[in-house]
Structure formats: structure tokens, C-alpha cells
Protein backbone atom coordinates (compact mmCIF):
# COMPACT_ATOMS: atom_id res chain seq x y z
CA MET A 1 47.40 -154.04 -42.36
CA HIS A 2 47.04 -157.87 -42.74
CA CYS A 3 45.27 -158.13 -39.38
CA ARG A 4 42.75 -155.49 -40.46
CA LYS A 5 42.16 -157.26 -43.79
CA GLU A 6 41.64 -160.66 -42.13
CA TYR A 7 39.16 -159.12 -39.65
CA GLU A 8 37.29 -157.41 -42.44
CA ASN A 9 37.00 -160.67 -44.37
CA LEU A 10 35.52 -162.31 -41.31
CA ARG A 11 33.01 -159.51 -41.00
CA LYS A 12 32.04 -159.90 -44.60
CA GLN A 13 31.19 -163.55 -44.04
CA CYS A 14 29.21 -162.66 -40.89
CA ARG A 15 27.07 -160.34 -43.06
CA ARG A 16 26.51 -163.06 -45.67
CA LYS A 17 25.47 -165.56 -42.97
CA LEU A 18 23.17 -162.97 -41.42
CA LYS A 19 21.36 -162.48 -44.83
CA ARG A 20 21.18 -166.18 -45.39
CA ASN A 21 19.75 -166.82 -41.92
CA ASP A 22 17.25 -163.96 -42.37
CA ARG A 23 16.14 -165.37 -45.68
CA GLY A 24 15.82 -168.89 -44.19
CA PHE A 25 13.79 -167.60 -41.30
CA LYS A 26 11.41 -165.66 -43.52
CA ALA A 27 10.94 -168.70 -45.75
CA LYS A 28 10.19 -170.86 -42.71
CA GLU A 29 7.80 -168.30 -41.31
CA ALA A 30 5.97 -168.06 -44.67
CA ALA A 31 5.66 -171.79 -44.87
CA GLU A 32 4.25 -171.91 -41.30
CA ILE A 33 1.70 -169.18 -42.10
CA SER A 34 0.78 -170.95 -45.42
CA SER A 35 0.27 -174.20 -43.59
CA ALA A 36 -1.78 -172.56 -40.83
CA GLU A 37 -4.03 -170.82 -43.40
CA VAL A 38 -4.74 -174.17 -44.99
CA SER A 39 -5.88 -175.54 -41.72
CA GLY A 40 -7.72 -172.37 -40.83
CA ASP A 41 -5.84 -171.91 -37.59
CA LEU A 42 -3.26 -169.13 -37.21
CA SER A 43 -2.81 -169.49 -33.45
CA GLN A 44 0.15 -171.78 -33.73
CA VAL A 45 1.94 -169.10 -35.82
CA MET A 46 1.03 -166.15 -33.66
CA ASP A 47 1.84 -167.97 -30.37
CA SER A 48 5.24 -169.45 -31.42
CA PRO A 49 8.25 -167.37 -30.44
CA ARG A 50 10.46 -165.81 -33.04
CA LEU A 51 13.74 -167.48 -33.44
CA GLU A 52 15.52 -164.31 -32.29
CA ASP A 53 13.73 -164.54 -28.96
CA VAL A 54 15.04 -168.08 -28.33
CA ALA A 55 18.10 -168.09 -26.15
CA SER A 56 19.34 -171.68 -26.35
CA SER A 57 22.94 -172.71 -26.14
CA ARG A 58 25.16 -175.73 -26.13
CA ARG A 59 24.94 -177.58 -22.87
CA SER A 60 27.86 -179.23 -21.15
CA PRO A 61 27.55 -182.94 -20.41
CA SER A 62 27.37 -182.28 -16.68
CA ALA A 63 24.73 -179.64 -17.15
CA GLU A 64 22.64 -182.11 -19.13
CA GLN A 65 22.92 -184.49 -16.28
CA GLY A 66 21.43 -181.84 -14.06
CA ASN A 67 24.28 -181.73 -11.54
CA LEU A 68 25.41 -178.24 -12.21
CA ALA A 69 22.63 -175.91 -11.43
CA ALA A 70 20.90 -174.48 -8.51
CA GLU A 71 17.77 -172.62 -9.46
CA ASP A 72 18.89 -169.09 -8.75
CA SER A 73 22.61 -169.68 -9.19
CA ASP A 74 24.45 -168.34 -12.20
CA CYS A 75 24.58 -171.18 -14.68
CA PRO A 76 27.69 -172.56 -16.43
CA ALA A 77 29.26 -171.03 -19.56
CA GLN A 78 27.37 -173.32 -21.92
CA ALA A 79 24.04 -173.27 -20.05
CA PRO A 80 20.87 -172.08 -21.83
CA GLN A 81 20.58 -168.33 -21.56
CA GLY A 82 16.84 -168.14 -21.37
CA SER A 83 16.98 -169.01 -17.75
CA ASP A 84 18.67 -167.68 -14.69
CA SER A 85 22.16 -169.10 -14.63
CA ILE A 86 25.55 -169.21 -12.95
CA LEU A 87 26.88 -166.50 -15.20
CA GLU A 88 23.80 -164.38 -14.78
CA GLY A 89 24.08 -161.94 -11.95
CA ASP A 90 24.48 -158.35 -13.00
CA GLY A 91 23.42 -159.24 -16.50
CA GLY A 92 26.69 -157.80 -17.82
CA SER A 93 28.51 -157.83 -21.05
CA VAL A 94 29.27 -154.95 -23.48
CA VAL A 95 31.04 -153.98 -26.73
CA THR A 96 32.44 -152.65 -30.74
CA TYR A 97 31.82 -150.94 -34.12
CA GLU A 98 33.70 -149.63 -37.20
CA ASP A 99 32.73 -152.04 -39.96
CA GLY A 100 29.04 -151.82 -39.26
CA LEU A 101 29.01 -148.32 -40.53
CA ALA A 102 31.25 -148.69 -43.47
CA GLY A 103 31.45 -152.43 -44.44
CA ASP A 104 27.85 -153.30 -43.61
CA THR A 105 26.65 -150.72 -46.18
CA GLU A 106 28.41 -152.45 -49.09
CA SER A 107 26.31 -153.54 -52.03
CA SER A 108 24.74 -156.95 -52.51
CA ASP A 109 27.18 -157.47 -55.36
CA SER A 110 30.11 -157.55 -52.97
CA ASP A 111 28.24 -160.07 -50.74
CA SER A 112 27.63 -162.39 -53.69
CA SER A 113 31.15 -162.18 -54.95
CA GLU A 114 33.20 -165.40 -55.52
CA GLU A 115 35.91 -164.32 -53.07
CA PRO A 116 36.92 -167.43 -51.13
CA GLU A 117 35.37 -167.56 -47.70
CA ILE A 118 38.20 -167.31 -45.15
CA ALA A 119 35.93 -168.89 -42.57
CA GLU A 120 35.97 -172.12 -44.48
CA SER A 121 39.66 -172.46 -43.69
CA PHE A 122 38.90 -172.01 -39.99
CA LEU A 123 35.87 -174.34 -40.09
CA ALA A 124 37.62 -177.06 -42.02
CA THR A 125 38.39 -180.05 -39.71
CA GLU A 126 39.85 -183.39 -40.38
CA PHE A 127 37.40 -186.02 -39.10
CA THR A 128 39.54 -189.05 -38.52
CA GLY A 129 39.97 -191.69 -35.86
CA GLU A 130 38.95 -190.59 -32.39
CA ASN A 131 36.82 -187.69 -33.61
CA ASP A 132 34.61 -189.69 -35.89
CA PHE A 133 32.05 -190.52 -33.17
CA HIS A 134 31.12 -186.89 -32.92
CA LEU A 135 29.72 -186.77 -36.46
CA PRO A 136 26.07 -187.22 -37.14
CA SER A 137 25.04 -190.52 -38.76
CA TRP A 138 24.53 -189.69 -42.48
CA GLY A 139 24.48 -193.21 -43.81
CA ASN A 140 25.86 -193.67 -47.28
CA SER A 141 25.96 -189.97 -48.18
CA SER A 142 28.39 -188.99 -50.84
CA PRO A 143 31.31 -186.63 -50.00
CA SER A 144 29.51 -183.70 -51.62
CA GLU A 145 26.34 -184.46 -49.66
CA ILE A 146 28.31 -184.70 -46.48
CA GLU A 147 30.02 -181.40 -47.21
CA SER A 148 26.65 -179.71 -47.84
CA LYS A 149 25.27 -181.12 -44.57
CA LEU A 150 28.33 -179.98 -42.62
CA LYS A 151 27.92 -176.47 -44.11
CA LEU A 152 24.27 -176.49 -43.10
CA GLN A 153 25.17 -177.58 -39.57
CA LYS A 154 27.75 -174.76 -39.34
CA ASP A 155 25.20 -172.20 -40.46
CA GLU A 156 22.71 -173.50 -37.87
CA ASP A 157 25.41 -173.31 -35.13
CA PHE A 158 26.32 -169.80 -36.11
CA ALA A 159 22.62 -168.73 -36.16
CA THR A 160 22.26 -170.07 -32.57
CA TRP A 161 25.36 -168.31 -31.45
CA GLN A 162 24.04 -165.05 -32.98
CA ARG A 163 20.80 -165.32 -31.02
CA ILE A 164 22.64 -165.82 -27.74
CA MET A 165 25.11 -162.99 -28.40
CA ARG A 166 22.19 -160.57 -29.08
CA VAL A 167 20.51 -161.48 -25.74
CA ASP A 168 23.74 -161.02 -23.84
CA ALA A 169 24.56 -157.79 -25.59
CA VAL A 170 21.20 -156.17 -24.81
CA ARG A 171 21.61 -157.18 -21.12
CA ALA A 172 25.13 -155.70 -21.01
CA ASN A 173 26.22 -153.85 -17.85
CA GLY A 174 26.32 -150.13 -18.70
CA GLU A 175 29.10 -149.48 -16.16
CA TRP A 176 31.77 -149.95 -18.85
CA ILE A 177 30.49 -147.41 -21.30
CA MET A 178 31.49 -144.19 -19.51
CA TYR A 179 35.11 -145.34 -19.53
CA SER A 180 35.36 -143.91 -23.09
CA PRO A 181 33.92 -140.43 -23.47
CA SER A 182 33.75 -140.70 -27.30
CA GLN A 183 31.82 -143.94 -27.04
CA ALA A 184 29.57 -142.64 -24.31
CA ALA A 185 28.58 -139.66 -26.53
CA VAL A 186 27.77 -141.64 -29.66
CA PRO A 187 24.88 -140.20 -31.73
CA GLU A 188 21.66 -142.12 -31.71
CA MET A 189 21.50 -142.53 -35.48
CA LYS A 190 25.01 -144.07 -35.52
CA ALA A 191 24.21 -146.47 -32.76
CA ARG A 192 20.95 -147.69 -34.30
CA ARG A 193 22.54 -148.01 -37.71
CA LEU A 194 25.18 -150.39 -36.33
CA ALA A 195 22.51 -152.27 -34.30
CA GLU A 196 20.45 -152.94 -37.39
CA SER A 197 23.50 -154.09 -39.29
CA VAL A 198 24.08 -156.92 -36.82
CA GLY A 199 20.44 -157.85 -36.40
CA LEU A 200 20.20 -156.58 -32.79
CA GLN A 201 16.65 -156.63 -31.39
CA ASP A 202 14.65 -155.40 -28.43
CA TYR A 203 16.90 -152.54 -27.69
CA ASP A 204 14.52 -149.57 -27.70
CA HIS A 205 14.74 -149.30 -23.94
CA LEU A 206 18.44 -148.62 -24.07
CA GLU A 207 20.28 -145.27 -24.34
CA PRO A 208 22.20 -144.72 -27.60
CA ASN A 209 25.57 -145.55 -25.97
CA ARG A 210 24.23 -148.81 -24.62
CA ILE A 211 22.84 -149.67 -28.05
CA PHE A 212 26.18 -148.82 -29.65
CA HIS A 213 28.14 -151.04 -27.24
CA ALA A 214 25.69 -153.90 -27.53
CA ALA A 215 26.10 -153.80 -31.34
CA ARG A 216 29.86 -153.63 -31.02
CA LEU A 217 29.83 -156.69 -28.86
CA VAL A 218 27.92 -158.69 -31.36
CA THR A 219 30.14 -157.43 -34.14
CA ILE A 220 33.36 -158.76 -32.65
CA LEU A 221 31.92 -161.96 -31.14
CA GLU A 222 30.41 -162.97 -34.47
CA ALA A 223 33.87 -162.64 -36.07
CA TYR A 224 35.37 -164.70 -33.28
CA ALA A 225 32.71 -167.43 -33.63
CA LEU A 226 33.99 -167.84 -37.22
CA TYR A 227 37.59 -167.58 -36.33
CA ASP A 228 37.31 -170.32 -33.60
CA PRO A 229 34.29 -172.53 -34.53
CA GLU A 230 35.25 -175.22 -32.09
CA ILE A 231 34.38 -172.78 -29.29
CA GLY A 232 31.97 -170.51 -31.24
CA TYR A 233 30.13 -168.41 -28.61
CA CYS A 234 29.20 -169.35 -25.05
CA GLN A 235 27.82 -167.31 -22.31
CA GLY A 236 30.60 -165.54 -20.43
CA MET A 237 32.77 -164.72 -23.45
CA SER A 238 31.04 -161.35 -23.71
CA ASP A 239 32.16 -160.56 -20.12
CA LEU A 240 35.78 -161.14 -21.10
CA LEU A 241 35.53 -158.89 -24.13
CA SER A 242 33.83 -156.03 -22.19
CA PRO A 243 37.02 -154.47 -20.65
CA ILE A 244 38.89 -154.77 -23.93
CA ILE A 245 36.11 -152.93 -25.76
CA ALA A 246 35.95 -150.28 -23.04
CA VAL A 247 39.54 -149.20 -23.74
CA MET A 248 39.89 -149.95 -27.49
CA GLU A 249 37.83 -148.02 -29.99
CA GLU A 250 38.86 -149.82 -33.21
CA ASP A 251 37.09 -153.09 -33.68
CA PHE A 252 39.83 -154.95 -35.54
CA LEU A 253 42.33 -154.18 -32.75
CA ALA A 254 39.89 -155.19 -30.02
CA PHE A 255 39.10 -158.43 -31.98
CA TRP A 256 42.86 -159.43 -32.13
CA CYS A 257 43.37 -158.56 -28.47
CA PHE A 258 40.36 -160.79 -27.69
CA VAL A 259 41.86 -163.60 -29.87
CA GLY A 260 45.11 -163.37 -27.77
CA PHE A 261 43.13 -163.30 -24.56
CA MET A 262 41.09 -166.36 -25.56
CA LYS A 263 44.26 -168.37 -26.26
CA LYS A 264 44.62 -168.42 -22.47
CA ALA A 265 40.87 -168.48 -21.56
CA ARG A 266 39.25 -170.70 -24.24
CA HIS A 267 39.65 -173.87 -22.22
CA ASN A 268 37.01 -172.35 -19.86
CA PHE A 269 34.43 -172.76 -22.64
CA ARG A 270 35.14 -176.31 -23.83
CA LEU A 271 32.23 -178.66 -23.61
CA ASP A 272 34.33 -181.36 -21.95
CA GLU A 273 35.01 -178.90 -19.03
CA VAL A 274 38.51 -180.35 -18.60
CA GLY A 275 40.05 -176.89 -18.18
CA ILE A 276 37.37 -175.77 -15.63
CA ARG A 277 37.64 -179.01 -13.62
CA ARG A 278 41.49 -178.65 -13.38
CA GLN A 279 41.13 -175.10 -12.10
CA LEU A 280 38.36 -175.96 -9.56
CA GLY A 281 40.63 -178.76 -8.33
CA ILE A 282 43.45 -176.33 -7.78
CA VAL A 283 41.20 -173.96 -5.81
CA SER A 284 40.06 -176.95 -3.66
CA LYS A 285 43.68 -178.04 -3.03
CA ILE A 286 44.69 -174.49 -2.01
CA ILE A 287 41.80 -174.33 0.53
CA LYS A 288 42.60 -177.80 1.80
CA CYS A 289 46.26 -176.99 2.36
CA LYS A 290 45.50 -173.59 4.05
CA ASP A 291 42.45 -174.34 6.15
CA SER A 292 41.66 -177.99 6.84
CA HIS A 293 38.74 -177.01 9.12
CA LEU A 294 37.05 -175.17 6.30
CA TYR A 295 37.79 -177.88 3.89
CA LYS A 296 36.20 -180.50 6.15
CA HIS A 297 33.02 -178.37 6.40
CA LEU A 298 32.97 -178.23 2.52
CA GLU A 299 33.40 -182.03 2.48
CA LYS A 300 30.42 -182.32 4.83
CA LEU A 301 28.29 -180.29 2.47
CA GLN A 302 29.64 -182.23 -0.62
CA ALA A 303 31.05 -178.93 -1.89
CA GLU A 304 34.75 -179.74 -1.74
CA ASP A 305 34.82 -179.66 -5.55
CA CYS A 306 34.48 -175.82 -5.20
CA PHE A 307 31.77 -175.64 -7.88
CA PHE A 308 30.36 -172.60 -6.10
CA VAL A 309 33.19 -170.45 -7.55
CA TYR A 310 32.48 -171.69 -11.13
CA ARG A 311 31.56 -168.24 -12.28
CA MET A 312 34.66 -166.55 -10.91
CA VAL A 313 36.79 -169.07 -12.77
CA VAL A 314 34.96 -168.77 -16.09
CA VAL A 315 34.90 -164.93 -16.27
CA LEU A 316 37.97 -164.21 -14.23
CA PHE A 317 36.19 -162.19 -11.48
CA ARG A 318 34.49 -159.98 -14.10
CA ARG A 319 31.09 -160.15 -12.41
CA GLU A 320 32.54 -159.46 -8.94
CA LEU A 321 34.68 -156.46 -9.70
CA ASP A 322 34.11 -153.05 -11.35
CA LEU A 323 36.05 -151.99 -14.39
CA ASP A 324 39.08 -150.50 -12.73
CA GLN A 325 39.38 -153.42 -10.35
CA THR A 326 39.00 -155.96 -13.19
CA LEU A 327 41.75 -154.28 -15.24
CA CYS A 328 43.94 -154.14 -12.09
CA LEU A 329 43.50 -157.86 -11.38
CA TRP A 330 43.96 -158.94 -14.96
CA GLU A 331 47.12 -156.85 -15.43
CA VAL A 332 48.73 -158.35 -12.34
CA MET A 333 47.87 -161.77 -13.70
CA TRP A 334 49.27 -160.96 -17.12
CA ALA A 335 52.40 -159.61 -15.50
CA ASP A 336 52.98 -162.92 -13.66
CA GLN A 337 52.41 -164.86 -16.95
CA ALA A 338 54.85 -162.50 -18.80
CA ALA A 339 57.45 -163.03 -16.05
CA ILE A 340 57.21 -166.80 -16.46
CA ARG A 341 57.57 -166.46 -20.28
CA ALA A 342 60.60 -164.23 -19.70
CA GLY A 343 62.20 -167.00 -17.60
CA ILE A 344 61.65 -165.53 -14.19
CA ALA A 345 60.69 -168.97 -12.75
CA ARG A 346 60.09 -169.93 -9.17
CA SER A 347 63.70 -170.89 -8.74
CA ALA A 348 64.77 -167.29 -9.39
CA TRP A 349 62.21 -165.38 -7.43
CA GLY A 350 64.09 -165.44 -4.18
CA ARG A 351 67.28 -164.04 -5.70
CA MET A 352 65.26 -161.21 -7.29
CA ARG A 353 63.72 -160.41 -3.87
CA LEU A 354 60.22 -160.71 -5.28
CA ARG A 355 57.57 -160.92 -2.60
CA ALA A 356 55.94 -163.92 -4.34
CA PRO A 357 57.03 -166.07 -7.17
CA PRO A 358 55.21 -165.55 -10.50
CA SER A 359 52.34 -167.98 -10.94
CA ASP A 360 50.25 -169.03 -13.96
CA ASP A 361 47.45 -169.72 -11.43
CA LEU A 362 47.28 -166.41 -9.60
CA LEU A 363 43.57 -166.06 -10.38
CA LEU A 364 42.91 -169.33 -8.61
CA TYR A 365 44.91 -168.22 -5.57
CA ALA A 366 42.82 -165.02 -5.62
CA ILE A 367 39.63 -167.04 -5.77
CA ALA A 368 40.74 -169.27 -2.87
CA ALA A 369 41.67 -166.16 -0.90
CA CYS A 370 38.12 -164.81 -1.54
CA VAL A 371 36.57 -168.03 -0.08
CA LEU A 372 39.01 -168.01 2.84
CA GLN A 373 38.02 -164.47 3.69
CA ARG A 374 34.56 -165.81 4.34
CA ARG A 375 35.50 -168.96 6.23
CA LYS A 376 33.75 -167.99 9.44
CA LEU A 377 30.47 -167.20 7.64
CA ILE A 378 30.67 -170.38 5.61
CA ILE A 379 31.41 -172.63 8.58
CA GLU A 380 28.90 -171.08 11.04
CA LYS A 381 25.96 -170.09 8.79
CA TYR A 382 25.85 -172.12 5.61
CA SER A 383 24.65 -175.68 5.43
CA SER A 384 24.53 -176.40 1.70
CA MET A 385 26.54 -175.60 -1.41
CA ASP A 386 23.61 -173.61 -2.80
CA GLU A 387 23.96 -171.15 0.07
CA ILE A 388 27.68 -170.80 -0.47
CA MET A 389 27.07 -170.28 -4.21
CA ARG A 390 24.54 -167.50 -3.46
CA GLU A 391 27.08 -165.78 -1.26
CA CYS A 392 29.74 -166.05 -3.90
CA ASN A 393 27.43 -164.76 -6.65
CA SER A 394 26.38 -161.74 -4.51
CA MET A 395 29.93 -160.38 -3.93
CA ALA A 396 29.72 -157.72 -6.60
CA GLY A 397 30.89 -154.36 -5.22
CA GLN A 398 32.01 -155.87 -1.93
CA LEU A 399 35.61 -156.95 -2.74
CA ASP A 400 38.78 -155.01 -2.13
CA VAL A 401 40.99 -155.97 -5.08
CA TRP A 402 44.18 -155.02 -3.28
CA LYS A 403 43.38 -157.01 -0.15
CA LEU A 404 42.45 -159.85 -2.49
CA LEU A 405 45.87 -159.67 -4.25
CA ASP A 406 47.69 -159.39 -1.01
CA ASP A 407 46.04 -162.50 0.38
CA ALA A 408 46.55 -164.36 -2.95
CA HIS A 409 50.28 -163.52 -2.92
CA ASP A 410 50.47 -164.74 0.71
CA LEU A 411 48.96 -168.02 -0.42
CA VAL A 412 51.44 -168.31 -3.29
CA VAL A 413 54.40 -167.62 -0.96
CA ASN A 414 53.26 -170.27 1.53
CA LEU A 415 51.81 -172.92 -0.74
CA HIS A 416 53.47 -172.71 -4.15
CA ASP A 417 55.66 -175.81 -3.45
CA LYS A 418 52.57 -177.85 -2.37
CA ILE A 419 50.14 -177.05 -5.15
């Protein structure tokens, strides 16, 4: 009951922010039109894109330096979504609903109530010492002025996240929808009502079930952006939520499952990329230990950092596997992690006659196995990292998840003491 209440409180704040953002946009649009009328030129207003059409996102430091991105590769988790990126391939993400139909119809009185905003407790941060350099320079502003400016910045961040979510949601892969018959058969009116409640746009070309899932995706991701404002929303998070939504019909349950999932995956979306770089380093080390010839070829191409598997790491093979395969791989990974938490460590695996010791990094062994399966092709035909990246980003539908897991477990058995 407490979990449902907390989720509903987050959704109330999302609706308040949506209303504030809409009012702010309309005021800005009116000011632009008024200014244009004074000058007698409306072209600047008519030609400028609506804010909802802008798909900008936080960029990672390395992306800003320009060293992450091949033109038709799938761009990193924080790359701008308006362009083709590392995470773009099948265009996929999907997602959930309940409060849009009930909660989103509440009166304006409830929205303007003085109920304390739960998000403020999540958003509150102590800015001391090492974190101070991240703050904007606001001169001699008073504490109340700084608080007001911080709140404005949070609203602007949230509005940006909303725009990116909507783009991702509309481009969601429809494959996941048919997994749930009740969601697949959703009435059009119900789907459109929910879409309107979360400000979804440009969805007229979608079937009702696709509209419904896109709106559910935005619904849950908005709540998560308030719950974890340090991460907010980055491209790729919708991919991780998709399988959860496909098997869970209640939004608040799907939300808390996603929160638990993100405790393990959120480091993939940090701007400093420490988590991603650690994982890519492990993939590189596995390849080096298993196949020195392949590794030397990667060194020759300046690809030994294994950036070409970036997308696989960020979204846990979601773009390369179908729904059933994704759930299979993830459940095996979770079983390994549960075994470690239960105390079945590597020292005990032999006594228990397990084929391979449980590993927190089974995903990374699977990614290395995927690359090793293509060693001949990479060595003989590819002469740049971009070519290898294109190969890795075109694997959708070509992978045998059981062969992948078998090879990954073989690598764990042979290399777990060396990695």
C-alpha cells in the first residue's frame, strides 16, 4: 500500500510539472508572436520548431569531445536523440498506464493543494566541498534566490527529459506489445486518453496498442526521473523498462521493479561514464586473455577499448535479442547475482558441481563471447572500429541466446581467476 501511495504522489507531481511546463511554453510562444507582430515578421515564429519536437539530451564529456560517435552508429546513452545514435537501431522502447485514466482526471484543486512535494525530498542535495564546482555561478544570490533558481533548473531538466521520453516512446518497438493480450487489445479511446494525459505527440500513425504502450512508458519514466533526479532520463532506459512493462500490467508495480533494476544498471547512465568504462575494460580483458590474435587486431585498429559493444553494455543486449531471449538472458544473469548474494561464491561452486561459478559480470562474458564468435570476420574483413560497430549493431535477430550463454559460461570457467 505504501509503495502504491508513493508512486501516486510522484505521478501527481509529474502532472503538476506538465501543467507548469505547458503554461510556460504557451507564454513563451505568445511572447514570440507578439514580438514578431511588432516587427511585422512572423517567419521566425512559424519556422522555429516546437519545444516538443526538440530531442536534446545531456551529453557525456567524451561525447562532447567528439570521440564517441560514428555517423551511423548507435550513439551513447546520453547522446542527443535527434540524430542517429549508438542506441538507435531498431528504434525500440515501450511501456505503462493506470494513473493516467484515474489520477490524471483529478481536479485542478487537487493539483494546487499544499500537499508537500515528495519529489523535493528526492531532489534535495547537499552542495558541499567537492560538488560545489558543479553549481552555476550565481554571484551573491541570497539562499531564497538560489533555491528558486535551483527549482527552475530542475523544472527545465524535467521538461527536457519529458521531450526525450516522448520521442523514444513513439519510436518504441511494437514487438513487446503482443506479449500481453489485454494490453494488445486496448480500446483506442483509452489509449488516446492516456496519451493526452502525459503530453504524448505525433502518435496518430500508431495503432491503439502502440499508443497505449508509448504512454505507459512516459508515465513510469517520468516518475523515475523525479525519484532519481541525478540520473533523470537518458536514452536506453526505456529499453530496460520495456520487458518489465510487457509482463506487468500495474504501473506502480512496474515502477518499483524498474527502480530495483536500475539499482544495478544506473551506473550505465552516469555522465562520468565510470561504470561503462569499467565494463568495457572487462570485455577487453576477457578477449585479450581468450584470443590474443583477435586482441592484437583490435589494437591495430585502435579498438581494443571495445567501444563497439557500448550499446550491448548499456541496454543489456535488449536491442540484439527478442523479448523471450532478453528475458531468458536477464533471468540467468539475475540468478547468478542472487546466488552470489546467497553466499554461493566462487570458492563453493566446485563442491556444488555447478558448471560455472556465479558471476556478477555474466553479461560481459556474454558480450565477449558474441565478439569472439565473429573473430574470423573481424580479423579478415574489418579494417576500422566503425565497421566492427556496424556489425555489432546489426546483430538483431541473428543471435542464439543459448549458444551465447554456453560460450559465456565456458569463458567464466576458464577465465574467472584471471579477470
